[in-house]
Amino acid sequence: MEILERYELILTQSLDELGPLAIPDDAEKQFELQALLAPDLGDILYRLTIEHSVAFTPFRETVISLIAEPHQAMASRGSRGYTDGPFAAHLEHAHPLILLALEMMPPDAPF
């Protein structure tokens, strides 16, 4: 499994664990919902990186970079049934929440 595919799997599993997202149409209500859910999502993401044997800080930095700044990062997804395409495109509805959760989480302290 490629690293970007593993990162997408962690993001997908974290959102599944968080529960169904009913994103309101109103921008202010979206911000309120993100503020409520981001700390829990950050904790879930951290735990899942440990469970998947992925270092949290590189995961955090890479995901923030790939979502916040449009890239042409392509991830092979043949094993999960997705076609090749931009990183985490199937999670676009949750990108603002993911970014907020990761930005709220501090990077791991160096040893």
Protein backbone atom coordinates (compact mmCIF):
# COMPACT_ATOMS: atom_id res chain seq x y z
CA MET A 1 0.00 0.00 0.00
CA GLU A 2 1.45 3.34 -1.03
CA ILE A 3 1.83 6.05 1.61
CA LEU A 4 -0.77 8.40 0.08
CA GLU A 5 -3.22 5.53 -0.15
CA ARG A 6 -2.57 4.75 3.52
CA TYR A 7 -3.11 8.44 4.40
CA GLU A 8 -6.44 8.43 2.54
CA LEU A 9 -7.46 5.27 4.34
CA ILE A 10 -6.74 6.92 7.70
CA LEU A 11 -8.79 9.98 6.70
CA THR A 12 -11.69 7.83 5.50
CA GLN A 13 -11.68 5.68 8.63
CA SER A 14 -11.53 8.74 10.88
CA LEU A 15 -14.55 10.34 9.23
CA ASP A 16 -16.43 7.03 9.36
CA GLU A 17 -15.66 6.79 13.07
CA LEU A 18 -16.70 10.38 13.67
CA GLY A 19 -20.09 9.57 12.19
CA PRO A 20 -22.21 10.91 9.38
CA LEU A 21 -21.51 14.54 8.59
CA ALA A 22 -24.61 16.60 7.98
CA ILE A 23 -22.93 19.76 6.76
CA PRO A 24 -25.34 22.69 7.01
CA ASP A 25 -25.77 25.13 4.12
CA ASP A 26 -25.26 28.17 6.32
CA ALA A 27 -21.56 29.13 6.52
CA GLU A 28 -21.76 30.20 10.16
CA LYS A 29 -23.33 26.89 11.17
CA GLN A 30 -20.62 25.07 9.20
CA PHE A 31 -17.94 26.88 11.21
CA GLU A 32 -19.72 26.03 14.47
CA LEU A 33 -19.97 22.36 13.50
CA GLN A 34 -16.30 22.25 12.50
CA ALA A 35 -15.29 23.88 15.80
CA LEU A 36 -17.23 21.22 17.71
CA LEU A 37 -15.99 18.23 15.71
CA ALA A 38 -12.35 19.18 15.01
CA PRO A 39 -10.90 18.25 18.44
CA ASP A 40 -12.52 14.79 18.33
CA LEU A 41 -11.41 14.25 14.74
CA GLY A 42 -7.86 15.27 15.65
CA ASP A 43 -7.78 12.68 18.44
CA ILE A 44 -9.16 10.01 16.10
CA LEU A 45 -6.61 10.86 13.41
CA TYR A 46 -3.76 10.66 15.91
CA ARG A 47 -4.89 7.27 17.19
CA LEU A 48 -5.37 5.91 13.68
CA THR A 49 -1.88 6.94 12.62
CA ILE A 50 -0.55 4.91 15.53
CA GLU A 51 -2.76 1.93 14.61
CA HIS A 52 -1.57 2.12 10.98
CA SER A 53 2.10 2.51 12.02
CA VAL A 54 2.31 5.93 10.38
CA ALA A 55 4.31 8.77 11.90
CA PHE A 56 1.86 11.52 12.86
CA THR A 57 3.96 14.61 12.06
CA PRO A 58 4.72 13.68 8.42
CA PHE A 59 1.08 12.60 8.02
CA ARG A 60 -0.12 15.92 9.43
CA GLU A 61 2.22 18.04 7.32
CA THR A 62 1.59 16.11 4.10
CA VAL A 63 -2.20 16.08 4.42
CA ILE A 64 -2.35 19.78 5.27
CA SER A 65 -0.12 20.57 2.30
CA LEU A 66 -2.02 18.41 -0.17
CA ILE A 67 -5.46 19.63 0.86
CA ALA A 68 -4.68 23.30 1.50
CA GLU A 69 -2.60 23.88 -1.61
CA PRO A 70 -3.95 22.22 -4.74
CA HIS A 71 -1.40 19.81 -6.13
CA GLN A 72 -1.43 17.25 -8.81
CA ALA A 73 -0.64 14.53 -6.27
CA MET A 74 -2.09 11.36 -7.64
CA ALA A 75 -2.68 8.37 -5.47
CA SER A 76 -3.06 4.88 -6.84
CA ARG A 77 -6.27 3.44 -5.47
CA GLY A 78 -6.65 0.24 -7.42
CA SER A 79 -6.82 -1.94 -4.32
CA ARG A 80 -9.78 0.03 -2.89
CA GLY A 81 -11.75 0.36 -6.10
CA TYR A 82 -11.11 4.08 -6.66
CA THR A 83 -9.59 5.32 -9.87
CA ASP A 84 -6.39 7.31 -9.81
CA GLY A 85 -6.99 10.96 -9.08
CA PRO A 86 -6.20 13.88 -6.79
CA PHE A 87 -5.42 13.13 -3.16
CA ALA A 88 -8.54 12.69 -0.98
CA ALA A 89 -10.91 13.96 -3.69
CA HIS A 90 -13.68 11.67 -2.39
CA LEU A 91 -13.43 13.47 0.99
CA GLU A 92 -13.66 16.99 -0.41
CA HIS A 93 -16.82 17.74 1.58
CA ALA A 94 -14.80 17.31 4.78
CA HIS A 95 -11.56 19.06 3.75
CA PRO A 96 -12.17 22.16 5.91
CA LEU A 97 -12.88 19.97 8.95
CA ILE A 98 -9.81 17.81 8.30
CA LEU A 99 -7.59 20.88 7.96
CA LEU A 100 -8.92 22.42 11.16
CA ALA A 101 -8.48 19.17 13.08
CA LEU A 102 -4.89 18.72 11.88
CA GLU A 103 -3.96 22.34 12.47
CA MET A 104 -5.27 22.12 16.03
CA MET A 105 -3.11 19.06 16.73
CA PRO A 106 0.52 19.83 17.57
CA PRO A 107 3.21 17.90 15.73
CA ASP A 108 4.93 15.16 17.68
CA ALA A 109 7.79 16.40 19.83
CA PRO A 110 11.22 15.32 18.58
CA PHE A 111 13.02 12.84 20.78
